Amino acid sequence: MKQKRSWIILGAILAALLILYAGLRIYNTNTAKREARETDKSTVYVTNETDAAEISYTGTAEEKTMEFVKNDGEWYYAPDREIPMDQSAVADLADTVTVCRAVRELKEPDALSDYGLDDPLYTISFKNAKGTETTLYIGQAAGEDYYAALKGDGKVYTVESTLVSALTFDLSGFVQTDTVPPISSGSLKKVEVTENGKTAVYDAKEDIAELAGGFGALSFTSCADYHAEEEKLKDYGLDGESRVTVKAVYEDPDSGEEKEFTIYVGKTDDSGAWRYVGTDGSKIVYLVSADTVENTYTPAEQ
């Protein structure tokens, strides 16, 4: 009887704790929602566009304008749409410039010239899908932040320096470069090298080990030309007659299927330390260490 009563008491305590836990969860959730609403009400947005279709920005010091346009959900570099873009990189830029929160809004601002906004350091423009254009001016530094103003708005804000940091004028930061597949001595089957109309096949064990090391060290990070037309390839030694074609046949580690990866090797640059390299199906010309490139098709003993 006492044991049964103890179980009843324990059950009642457990039920009470569950009710208390549920109540606390509801309270915390409601509190979080209320705080989020209050924070959102107090947040001042300088720009707040979630449907950007075009973005451009100009830097006074750089004397250069970067332009991107979105079509069918994909971002392109406006001056040359054939250059493949890293969609995540451009999307991150778009999010930064089109949804910009103010650190603070100046209540009674002086003349725009007092904040460097009459001759801004940066001018950012973007359009939404309907064609509505927004222009944001970034003026001089305000401590760790920057002064900012919208065209025709009359208000002056300060914004975080991360906005300025996002305005990259080096196109390489937005280009989707080629990647080298995972080629190792265990997966590499053979390498076919075609030069001056002659093809040599390397499939001996000692050659495979050396060549796999070359492909393992190969990477494409430095671009000499983002979009080389046929007539320009000759300048890099990458036209059909001049280039060395290196085709690696390897086993894909995920699918187990046999695949091919082909690079084209051109001239050395003026320093002699780098070679111009292209990949099959791409118009980008890369600069790759000459030693690394030559290890992908020249056995060590030769």
C-alpha atoms as a PDB file:
ATOM      1  CA  MET A   1       0.000   0.000   0.000  1.00  0.00           C
ATOM      2  CA  LYS A   2       2.818   2.380   0.918  1.00  0.00           C
ATOM      3  CA  GLN A   3       4.679   1.490  -2.293  1.00  0.00           C
ATOM      4  CA  LYS A   4       1.565   2.234  -4.374  1.00  0.00           C
ATOM      5  CA  ARG A   5       1.134   5.570  -2.615  1.00  0.00           C
ATOM      6  CA  SER A   6       4.805   6.411  -3.309  1.00  0.00           C
ATOM      7  CA  TRP A   7       4.327   5.712  -7.002  1.00  0.00           C
ATOM      8  CA  ILE A   8       1.253   7.971  -7.064  1.00  0.00           C
ATOM      9  CA  ILE A   9       3.212  10.786  -5.405  1.00  0.00           C
ATOM     10  CA  LEU A  10       6.131  10.358  -7.822  1.00  0.00           C
ATOM     11  CA  GLY A  11       3.720  10.355 -10.768  1.00  0.00           C
ATOM     12  CA  ALA A  12       2.098  13.558  -9.519  1.00  0.00           C
ATOM     13  CA  ILE A  13       5.517  15.220  -9.108  1.00  0.00           C
ATOM     14  CA  LEU A  14       6.538  14.144 -12.621  1.00  0.00           C
ATOM     15  CA  ALA A  15       3.298  15.465 -14.097  1.00  0.00           C
ATOM     16  CA  ALA A  16       3.802  18.768 -12.305  1.00  0.00           C
ATOM     17  CA  LEU A  17       7.373  19.019 -13.608  1.00  0.00           C
ATOM     18  CA  LEU A  18       6.217  18.297 -17.160  1.00  0.00           C
ATOM     19  CA  ILE A  19       3.553  20.999 -16.908  1.00  0.00           C
ATOM     20  CA  LEU A  20       6.139  23.426 -15.507  1.00  0.00           C
ATOM     21  CA  TYR A  21       8.600  22.528 -18.308  1.00  0.00           C
ATOM     22  CA  ALA A  22       5.924  23.040 -20.964  1.00  0.00           C
ATOM     23  CA  GLY A  23       4.987  26.362 -19.414  1.00  0.00           C
ATOM     24  CA  LEU A  24       8.593  27.535 -19.371  1.00  0.00           C
ATOM     25  CA  ARG A  25       9.037  26.548 -23.031  1.00  0.00           C
ATOM     26  CA  ILE A  26       5.948  28.520 -24.048  1.00  0.00           C
ATOM     27  CA  TYR A  27       7.107  31.485 -21.968  1.00  0.00           C
ATOM     28  CA  ASN A  28      10.617  31.434 -23.441  1.00  0.00           C
ATOM     29  CA  THR A  29       9.272  31.093 -26.983  1.00  0.00           C
ATOM     30  CA  ASN A  30       6.869  33.996 -26.537  1.00  0.00           C
ATOM     31  CA  THR A  31       9.621  36.077 -24.923  1.00  0.00           C
ATOM     32  CA  ALA A  32      11.984  35.372 -27.816  1.00  0.00           C
ATOM     33  CA  LYS A  33       9.305  36.298 -30.351  1.00  0.00           C
ATOM     34  CA  ARG A  34       8.484  39.498 -28.473  1.00  0.00           C
ATOM     35  CA  GLU A  35      12.162  40.477 -28.254  1.00  0.00           C
ATOM     36  CA  ALA A  36      12.622  39.723 -31.952  1.00  0.00           C
ATOM     37  CA  ARG A  37       9.638  41.953 -32.812  1.00  0.00           C
ATOM     38  CA  GLU A  38      10.974  44.726 -30.608  1.00  0.00           C
ATOM     39  CA  THR A  39      14.448  44.419 -32.143  1.00  0.00           C
ATOM     40  CA  ASP A  40      12.987  44.456 -35.635  1.00  0.00           C
ATOM     41  CA  LYS A  41      10.992  47.600 -34.829  1.00  0.00           C
ATOM     42  CA  SER A  42      14.095  49.348 -33.544  1.00  0.00           C
ATOM     43  CA  THR A  43      16.229  48.300 -36.536  1.00  0.00           C
ATOM     44  CA  VAL A  44      16.694  50.982 -39.169  1.00  0.00           C
ATOM     45  CA  TYR A  45      17.320  49.655 -42.656  1.00  0.00           C
ATOM     46  CA  VAL A  46      19.247  51.838 -45.049  1.00  0.00           C
ATOM     47  CA  THR A  47      18.426  49.374 -47.829  1.00  0.00           C
ATOM     48  CA  ASN A  48      16.080  46.425 -47.630  1.00  0.00           C
ATOM     49  CA  GLU A  49      15.615  44.753 -51.007  1.00  0.00           C
ATOM     50  CA  THR A  50      15.237  40.976 -51.239  1.00  0.00           C
ATOM     51  CA  ASP A  51      14.685  40.746 -54.989  1.00  0.00           C
ATOM     52  CA  ALA A  52      17.779  42.319 -56.536  1.00  0.00           C
ATOM     53  CA  ALA A  53      18.269  41.692 -60.256  1.00  0.00           C
ATOM     54  CA  GLU A  54      21.157  44.058 -61.005  1.00  0.00           C
ATOM     55  CA  ILE A  55      24.032  45.322 -58.864  1.00  0.00           C
ATOM     56  CA  SER A  56      26.830  47.755 -59.645  1.00  0.00           C
ATOM     57  CA  TYR A  57      29.321  49.640 -57.514  1.00  0.00           C
ATOM     58  CA  THR A  58      32.052  52.146 -58.208  1.00  0.00           C
ATOM     59  CA  GLY A  59      35.032  53.093 -56.063  1.00  0.00           C
ATOM     60  CA  THR A  60      36.590  56.538 -56.377  1.00  0.00           C
ATOM     61  CA  ALA A  61      40.043  55.261 -55.445  1.00  0.00           C
ATOM     62  CA  GLU A  62      39.765  52.190 -57.667  1.00  0.00           C
ATOM     63  CA  GLU A  63      38.304  54.141 -60.619  1.00  0.00           C
ATOM     64  CA  LYS A  64      36.532  50.953 -61.545  1.00  0.00           C
ATOM     65  CA  THR A  65      32.949  49.713 -61.677  1.00  0.00           C
ATOM     66  CA  MET A  66      31.827  46.168 -60.968  1.00  0.00           C
ATOM     67  CA  GLU A  67      28.516  45.077 -62.494  1.00  0.00           C
ATOM     68  CA  PHE A  68      26.470  41.925 -61.986  1.00  0.00           C
ATOM     69  CA  VAL A  69      23.098  40.966 -63.394  1.00  0.00           C
ATOM     70  CA  LYS A  70      20.736  38.161 -62.442  1.00  0.00           C
ATOM     71  CA  ASN A  71      18.857  36.169 -65.059  1.00  0.00           C
ATOM     72  CA  ASP A  72      16.687  33.094 -64.426  1.00  0.00           C
ATOM     73  CA  GLY A  73      18.053  32.833 -60.896  1.00  0.00           C
ATOM     74  CA  GLU A  74      21.719  32.931 -61.933  1.00  0.00           C
ATOM     75  CA  TRP A  75      24.204  35.768 -61.482  1.00  0.00           C
ATOM     76  CA  TYR A  76      26.420  36.922 -64.346  1.00  0.00           C
ATOM     77  CA  TYR A  77      29.251  39.399 -64.711  1.00  0.00           C
ATOM     78  CA  ALA A  78      27.516  42.034 -66.845  1.00  0.00           C
ATOM     79  CA  PRO A  79      30.469  42.983 -69.122  1.00  0.00           C
ATOM     80  CA  ASP A  80      31.066  39.333 -70.047  1.00  0.00           C
ATOM     81  CA  ARG A  81      28.363  36.811 -69.260  1.00  0.00           C
ATOM     82  CA  GLU A  82      30.497  33.900 -70.439  1.00  0.00           C
ATOM     83  CA  ILE A  83      32.774  34.165 -67.410  1.00  0.00           C
ATOM     84  CA  PRO A  84      31.464  31.589 -64.911  1.00  0.00           C
ATOM     85  CA  MET A  85      30.481  33.159 -61.612  1.00  0.00           C
ATOM     86  CA  ASP A  86      30.731  31.678 -58.139  1.00  0.00           C
ATOM     87  CA  GLN A  87      27.024  32.004 -57.360  1.00  0.00           C
ATOM     88  CA  SER A  88      27.504  31.937 -53.591  1.00  0.00           C
ATOM     89  CA  ALA A  89      30.087  34.739 -53.701  1.00  0.00           C
ATOM     90  CA  VAL A  90      27.877  37.038 -55.789  1.00  0.00           C
ATOM     91  CA  ALA A  91      24.789  36.168 -53.736  1.00  0.00           C
ATOM     92  CA  ASP A  92      26.643  37.057 -50.519  1.00  0.00           C
ATOM     93  CA  LEU A  93      27.603  40.409 -52.046  1.00  0.00           C
ATOM     94  CA  ALA A  94      23.992  41.003 -53.084  1.00  0.00           C
ATOM     95  CA  ASP A  95      22.726  40.230 -49.594  1.00  0.00           C
ATOM     96  CA  THR A  96      25.247  42.629 -48.047  1.00  0.00           C
ATOM     97  CA  VAL A  97      24.480  45.662 -50.216  1.00  0.00           C
ATOM     98  CA  THR A  98      20.728  45.200 -50.642  1.00  0.00           C
ATOM     99  CA  VAL A  99      19.848  44.483 -47.007  1.00  0.00           C
ATOM    100  CA  CYS A 100      21.914  47.013 -45.096  1.00  0.00           C
ATOM    101  CA  ARG A 101      21.154  47.921 -41.482  1.00  0.00           C
ATOM    102  CA  ALA A 102      22.140  51.278 -40.096  1.00  0.00           C
ATOM    103  CA  VAL A 103      24.310  51.474 -37.002  1.00  0.00           C
ATOM    104  CA  ARG A 104      22.546  54.745 -36.317  1.00  0.00           C
ATOM    105  CA  GLU A 105      20.600  57.487 -38.069  1.00  0.00           C
ATOM    106  CA  LEU A 106      21.777  61.057 -37.573  1.00  0.00           C
ATOM    107  CA  LYS A 107      18.793  63.033 -36.299  1.00  0.00           C
ATOM    108  CA  GLU A 108      19.742  66.479 -37.589  1.00  0.00           C
ATOM    109  CA  PRO A 109      22.467  65.908 -40.172  1.00  0.00           C
ATOM    110  CA  ASP A 110      24.617  68.717 -41.535  1.00  0.00           C
ATOM    111  CA  ALA A 111      25.406  69.154 -45.216  1.00  0.00           C
ATOM    112  CA  LEU A 112      26.303  65.985 -47.109  1.00  0.00           C
ATOM    113  CA  SER A 113      29.759  67.428 -47.779  1.00  0.00           C
ATOM    114  CA  ASP A 114      30.488  67.251 -44.048  1.00  0.00           C
ATOM    115  CA  TYR A 115      30.299  63.461 -44.286  1.00  0.00           C
ATOM    116  CA  GLY A 116      32.050  63.035 -47.633  1.00  0.00           C
ATOM    117  CA  LEU A 117      28.740  62.164 -49.264  1.00  0.00           C
ATOM    118  CA  ASP A 118      28.845  64.891 -51.923  1.00  0.00           C
ATOM    119  CA  ASP A 119      31.845  63.100 -53.461  1.00  0.00           C
ATOM    120  CA  PRO A 120      31.392  59.570 -52.074  1.00  0.00           C
ATOM    121  CA  LEU A 121      34.097  56.962 -51.739  1.00  0.00           C
ATOM    122  CA  TYR A 122      31.707  54.364 -53.147  1.00  0.00           C
ATOM    123  CA  THR A 123      28.485  54.491 -55.098  1.00  0.00           C
ATOM    124  CA  ILE A 124      26.319  51.368 -54.996  1.00  0.00           C
ATOM    125  CA  SER A 125      23.317  50.946 -57.289  1.00  0.00           C
ATOM    126  CA  PHE A 126      20.925  48.056 -57.656  1.00  0.00           C
ATOM    127  CA  LYS A 127      17.602  47.302 -59.299  1.00  0.00           C
ATOM    128  CA  ASN A 128      14.913  44.867 -58.267  1.00  0.00           C
ATOM    129  CA  ALA A 129      13.027  42.585 -60.635  1.00  0.00           C
ATOM    130  CA  LYS A 130      10.575  45.381 -61.420  1.00  0.00           C
ATOM    131  CA  GLY A 131      13.357  47.749 -62.449  1.00  0.00           C
ATOM    132  CA  THR A 132      13.140  50.042 -59.426  1.00  0.00           C
ATOM    133  CA  GLU A 133      16.600  51.481 -58.812  1.00  0.00           C
ATOM    134  CA  THR A 134      18.214  52.297 -55.481  1.00  0.00           C
ATOM    135  CA  THR A 135      21.476  54.219 -55.146  1.00  0.00           C
ATOM    136  CA  LEU A 136      23.513  54.215 -51.948  1.00  0.00           C
ATOM    137  CA  TYR A 137      26.433  56.560 -51.309  1.00  0.00           C
ATOM    138  CA  ILE A 138      29.231  55.670 -48.886  1.00  0.00           C
ATOM    139  CA  GLY A 139      31.137  58.657 -47.498  1.00  0.00           C
ATOM    140  CA  GLN A 140      34.069  59.082 -45.176  1.00  0.00           C
ATOM    141  CA  ALA A 141      34.862  56.903 -42.179  1.00  0.00           C
ATOM    142  CA  ALA A 142      33.056  57.504 -38.904  1.00  0.00           C
ATOM    143  CA  GLY A 143      35.295  55.747 -36.424  1.00  0.00           C
ATOM    144  CA  GLU A 144      34.943  52.044 -37.216  1.00  0.00           C
ATOM    145  CA  ASP A 145      31.904  52.727 -39.406  1.00  0.00           C
ATOM    146  CA  TYR A 146      31.137  54.800 -42.508  1.00  0.00           C
ATOM    147  CA  TYR A 147      28.646  57.536 -43.306  1.00  0.00           C
ATOM    148  CA  ALA A 148      25.994  56.558 -45.836  1.00  0.00           C
ATOM    149  CA  ALA A 149      23.029  58.139 -47.594  1.00  0.00           C
ATOM    150  CA  LEU A 150      20.435  57.101 -50.123  1.00  0.00           C
ATOM    151  CA  LYS A 151      20.021  59.136 -53.275  1.00  0.00           C
ATOM    152  CA  GLY A 152      17.115  61.527 -52.845  1.00  0.00           C
ATOM    153  CA  ASP A 153      16.459  60.465 -49.252  1.00  0.00           C
ATOM    154  CA  GLY A 154      17.933  63.398 -47.342  1.00  0.00           C
ATOM    155  CA  LYS A 155      18.865  61.220 -44.361  1.00  0.00           C
ATOM    156  CA  VAL A 156      22.369  60.354 -43.177  1.00  0.00           C
ATOM    157  CA  TYR A 157      23.290  57.072 -41.536  1.00  0.00           C
ATOM    158  CA  THR A 158      26.344  55.235 -40.339  1.00  0.00           C
ATOM    159  CA  VAL A 159      26.871  51.662 -41.541  1.00  0.00           C
ATOM    160  CA  GLU A 160      29.302  48.947 -40.546  1.00  0.00           C
ATOM    161  CA  SER A 161      32.634  48.699 -42.339  1.00  0.00           C
ATOM    162  CA  THR A 162      31.731  45.172 -43.459  1.00  0.00           C
ATOM    163  CA  LEU A 163      29.682  46.781 -46.229  1.00  0.00           C
ATOM    164  CA  VAL A 164      32.791  48.487 -47.607  1.00  0.00           C
ATOM    165  CA  SER A 165      34.857  45.322 -47.169  1.00  0.00           C
ATOM    166  CA  ALA A 166      32.373  43.453 -49.358  1.00  0.00           C
ATOM    167  CA  LEU A 167      32.980  45.784 -52.307  1.00  0.00           C
ATOM    168  CA  THR A 168      35.693  43.701 -53.942  1.00  0.00           C
ATOM    169  CA  PHE A 169      37.113  45.073 -57.190  1.00  0.00           C
ATOM    170  CA  ASP A 170      39.133  41.959 -57.996  1.00  0.00           C
ATOM    171  CA  LEU A 171      37.004  39.843 -60.306  1.00  0.00           C
ATOM    172  CA  SER A 172      38.895  36.699 -59.288  1.00  0.00           C
ATOM    173  CA  GLY A 173      36.977  36.690 -56.012  1.00  0.00           C
ATOM    174  CA  PHE A 174      33.744  36.087 -57.927  1.00  0.00           C
ATOM    175  CA  VAL A 175      34.906  33.707 -60.665  1.00  0.00           C
ATOM    176  CA  GLN A 176      34.058  30.026 -60.490  1.00  0.00           C
ATOM    177  CA  THR A 177      37.425  28.460 -61.239  1.00  0.00           C
ATOM    178  CA  ASP A 178      37.994  24.874 -62.310  1.00  0.00           C
ATOM    179  CA  THR A 179      38.795  22.206 -59.763  1.00  0.00           C
ATOM    180  CA  VAL A 180      41.174  19.291 -60.061  1.00  0.00           C
ATOM    181  CA  PRO A 181      39.519  15.918 -59.377  1.00  0.00           C
ATOM    182  CA  PRO A 182      40.928  13.695 -56.609  1.00  0.00           C
ATOM    183  CA  ILE A 183      43.703  11.943 -58.528  1.00  0.00           C
ATOM    184  CA  SER A 184      46.107   9.753 -56.569  1.00  0.00           C
ATOM    185  CA  SER A 185      48.570   7.000 -57.342  1.00  0.00           C
ATOM    186  CA  GLY A 186      45.837   4.548 -56.398  1.00  0.00           C
ATOM    187  CA  SER A 187      43.219   6.000 -58.750  1.00  0.00           C
ATOM    188  CA  LEU A 188      45.354   7.164 -61.685  1.00  0.00           C
ATOM    189  CA  LYS A 189      45.333   4.613 -64.514  1.00  0.00           C
ATOM    190  CA  LYS A 190      47.366   6.359 -67.178  1.00  0.00           C
ATOM    191  CA  VAL A 191      48.384   9.730 -68.595  1.00  0.00           C
ATOM    192  CA  GLU A 192      48.319  10.484 -72.319  1.00  0.00           C
ATOM    193  CA  VAL A 193      50.518  13.375 -73.466  1.00  0.00           C
ATOM    194  CA  THR A 194      50.124  14.838 -76.953  1.00  0.00           C
ATOM    195  CA  GLU A 195      52.779  17.265 -78.154  1.00  0.00           C
ATOM    196  CA  ASN A 196      53.693  18.295 -81.704  1.00  0.00           C
ATOM    197  CA  GLY A 197      51.218  15.783 -83.083  1.00  0.00           C
ATOM    198  CA  LYS A 198      52.702  12.824 -81.205  1.00  0.00           C
ATOM    199  CA  THR A 199      51.098  11.012 -78.272  1.00  0.00           C
ATOM    200  CA  ALA A 200      52.940   9.214 -75.488  1.00  0.00           C
ATOM    201  CA  VAL A 201      51.178   7.012 -72.938  1.00  0.00           C
ATOM    202  CA  TYR A 202      52.482   6.696 -69.369  1.00  0.00           C
ATOM    203  CA  ASP A 203      50.999   3.783 -67.428  1.00  0.00           C
ATOM    204  CA  ALA A 204      54.004   2.143 -65.803  1.00  0.00           C
ATOM    205  CA  LYS A 205      53.844   1.951 -62.015  1.00  0.00           C
ATOM    206  CA  GLU A 206      56.857   4.202 -61.460  1.00  0.00           C
ATOM    207  CA  ASP A 207      55.470   6.827 -63.853  1.00  0.00           C
ATOM    208  CA  ILE A 208      52.004   6.739 -62.284  1.00  0.00           C
ATOM    209  CA  ALA A 209      53.416   7.521 -58.826  1.00  0.00           C
ATOM    210  CA  GLU A 210      55.287  10.576 -60.109  1.00  0.00           C
ATOM    211  CA  LEU A 211      52.471  11.901 -62.289  1.00  0.00           C
ATOM    212  CA  ALA A 212      49.830  11.429 -59.598  1.00  0.00           C
ATOM    213  CA  GLY A 213      51.948  13.621 -57.319  1.00  0.00           C
ATOM    214  CA  GLY A 214      51.923  16.317 -59.983  1.00  0.00           C
ATOM    215  CA  PHE A 215      48.137  16.237 -60.280  1.00  0.00           C
ATOM    216  CA  GLY A 216      47.832  16.190 -56.519  1.00  0.00           C
ATOM    217  CA  ALA A 217      49.760  19.477 -56.301  1.00  0.00           C
ATOM    218  CA  LEU A 218      47.883  21.071 -59.204  1.00  0.00           C
ATOM    219  CA  SER A 219      45.394  23.862 -58.429  1.00  0.00           C
ATOM    220  CA  PHE A 220      43.820  26.760 -60.288  1.00  0.00           C
ATOM    221  CA  THR A 221      43.905  29.936 -58.235  1.00  0.00           C
ATOM    222  CA  SER A 222      45.582  32.570 -60.413  1.00  0.00           C
ATOM    223  CA  CYS A 223      43.827  33.659 -63.623  1.00  0.00           C
ATOM    224  CA  ALA A 224      45.690  35.252 -66.526  1.00  0.00           C
ATOM    225  CA  ASP A 225      42.579  35.590 -68.689  1.00  0.00           C
ATOM    226  CA  TYR A 226      38.967  34.998 -67.698  1.00  0.00           C
ATOM    227  CA  HIS A 227      37.686  34.561 -71.229  1.00  0.00           C
ATOM    228  CA  ALA A 228      40.308  33.870 -73.878  1.00  0.00           C
ATOM    229  CA  GLU A 229      38.956  33.821 -77.414  1.00  0.00           C
ATOM    230  CA  GLU A 230      40.480  31.534 -80.030  1.00  0.00           C
ATOM    231  CA  GLU A 231      42.716  34.232 -81.510  1.00  0.00           C
ATOM    232  CA  LYS A 232      44.086  35.114 -78.070  1.00  0.00           C
ATOM    233  CA  LEU A 233      45.016  31.534 -77.188  1.00  0.00           C
ATOM    234  CA  LYS A 234      48.064  31.695 -79.451  1.00  0.00           C
ATOM    235  CA  ASP A 235      49.559  34.410 -77.231  1.00  0.00           C
ATOM    236  CA  TYR A 236      49.480  31.915 -74.366  1.00  0.00           C
ATOM    237  CA  GLY A 237      50.717  28.991 -76.431  1.00  0.00           C
ATOM    238  CA  LEU A 238      47.340  27.330 -75.929  1.00  0.00           C
ATOM    239  CA  ASP A 239      46.135  27.149 -79.514  1.00  0.00           C
ATOM    240  CA  GLY A 240      45.633  23.709 -81.016  1.00  0.00           C
ATOM    241  CA  GLU A 241      49.015  23.615 -82.720  1.00  0.00           C
ATOM    242  CA  SER A 242      51.176  24.913 -79.877  1.00  0.00           C
ATOM    243  CA  ARG A 243      49.770  23.450 -76.687  1.00  0.00           C
ATOM    244  CA  VAL A 244      50.670  20.247 -74.881  1.00  0.00           C
ATOM    245  CA  THR A 245      47.580  18.148 -74.155  1.00  0.00           C
ATOM    246  CA  VAL A 246      47.729  16.134 -70.948  1.00  0.00           C
ATOM    247  CA  LYS A 247      44.871  13.680 -70.356  1.00  0.00           C
ATOM    248  CA  ALA A 248      44.659  11.813 -67.092  1.00  0.00           C
ATOM    249  CA  VAL A 249      42.514   8.674 -66.971  1.00  0.00           C
ATOM    250  CA  TYR A 250      41.508   7.862 -63.398  1.00  0.00           C
ATOM    251  CA  GLU A 251      38.976   5.990 -61.320  1.00  0.00           C
ATOM    252  CA  ASP A 252      36.451   8.182 -59.557  1.00  0.00           C
ATOM    253  CA  PRO A 253      36.662   7.349 -55.828  1.00  0.00           C
ATOM    254  CA  ASP A 254      32.913   7.829 -55.287  1.00  0.00           C
ATOM    255  CA  SER A 255      31.367   6.088 -58.282  1.00  0.00           C
ATOM    256  CA  GLY A 256      34.212   3.780 -59.213  1.00  0.00           C
ATOM    257  CA  GLU A 257      33.742   4.861 -62.814  1.00  0.00           C
ATOM    258  CA  GLU A 258      36.663   5.583 -65.127  1.00  0.00           C
ATOM    259  CA  LYS A 259      36.872   9.279 -65.963  1.00  0.00           C
ATOM    260  CA  GLU A 260      39.131  11.679 -67.839  1.00  0.00           C
ATOM    261  CA  PHE A 261      40.594  15.036 -66.864  1.00  0.00           C
ATOM    262  CA  THR A 262      42.386  17.058 -69.522  1.00  0.00           C
ATOM    263  CA  ILE A 263      44.583  20.125 -69.208  1.00  0.00           C
ATOM    264  CA  TYR A 264      46.328  22.148 -71.878  1.00  0.00           C
ATOM    265  CA  VAL A 265      49.829  23.429 -71.184  1.00  0.00           C
ATOM    266  CA  GLY A 266      51.066  26.562 -72.923  1.00  0.00           C
ATOM    267  CA  LYS A 267      54.039  28.905 -72.778  1.00  0.00           C
ATOM    268  CA  THR A 268      55.878  30.113 -69.708  1.00  0.00           C
ATOM    269  CA  ASP A 269      55.272  33.702 -68.663  1.00  0.00           C
ATOM    270  CA  ASP A 270      57.986  36.384 -68.827  1.00  0.00           C
ATOM    271  CA  SER A 271      59.417  35.314 -65.471  1.00  0.00           C
ATOM    272  CA  GLY A 272      59.792  31.716 -66.593  1.00  0.00           C
ATOM    273  CA  ALA A 273      58.386  30.525 -63.277  1.00  0.00           C
ATOM    274  CA  TRP A 274      54.777  30.066 -64.421  1.00  0.00           C
ATOM    275  CA  ARG A 275      53.044  28.248 -67.244  1.00  0.00           C
ATOM    276  CA  TYR A 276      49.797  29.191 -68.928  1.00  0.00           C
ATOM    277  CA  VAL A 277      47.301  26.375 -68.453  1.00  0.00           C
ATOM    278  CA  GLY A 278      43.775  25.765 -69.682  1.00  0.00           C
ATOM    279  CA  THR A 279      41.256  22.996 -69.053  1.00  0.00           C
ATOM    280  CA  ASP A 280      39.023  21.141 -71.449  1.00  0.00           C
ATOM    281  CA  GLY A 281      35.705  22.964 -71.857  1.00  0.00           C
ATOM    282  CA  SER A 282      36.796  26.230 -70.203  1.00  0.00           C
ATOM    283  CA  LYS A 283      37.941  29.553 -71.659  1.00  0.00           C
ATOM    284  CA  ILE A 284      39.805  30.585 -68.517  1.00  0.00           C
ATOM    285  CA  VAL A 285      43.599  30.728 -68.754  1.00  0.00           C
ATOM    286  CA  TYR A 286      45.440  30.062 -65.507  1.00  0.00           C
ATOM    287  CA  LEU A 287      48.968  30.706 -64.300  1.00  0.00           C
ATOM    288  CA  VAL A 288      50.396  27.635 -62.597  1.00  0.00           C
ATOM    289  CA  SER A 289      53.883  26.979 -61.255  1.00  0.00           C
ATOM    290  CA  ALA A 290      56.014  25.582 -64.094  1.00  0.00           C
ATOM    291  CA  ASP A 291      57.448  22.879 -61.836  1.00  0.00           C
ATOM    292  CA  THR A 292      53.985  21.694 -60.826  1.00  0.00           C
ATOM    293  CA  VAL A 293      52.711  21.620 -64.388  1.00  0.00           C
ATOM    294  CA  GLU A 294      55.693  19.727 -65.736  1.00  0.00           C
ATOM    295  CA  ASN A 295      55.286  17.084 -63.031  1.00  0.00           C
ATOM    296  CA  THR A 296      51.895  16.193 -64.493  1.00  0.00           C
ATOM    297  CA  TYR A 297      53.349  14.931 -67.726  1.00  0.00           C
ATOM    298  CA  THR A 298      57.130  14.513 -67.387  1.00  0.00           C
ATOM    299  CA  PRO A 299      58.372  11.436 -65.493  1.00  0.00           C
ATOM    300  CA  ALA A 300      61.074  12.374 -62.984  1.00  0.00           C
ATOM    301  CA  GLU A 301      63.735  10.290 -64.672  1.00  0.00           C
ATOM    302  CA  GLN A 302      63.319  11.963 -68.055  1.00  0.00           C
END
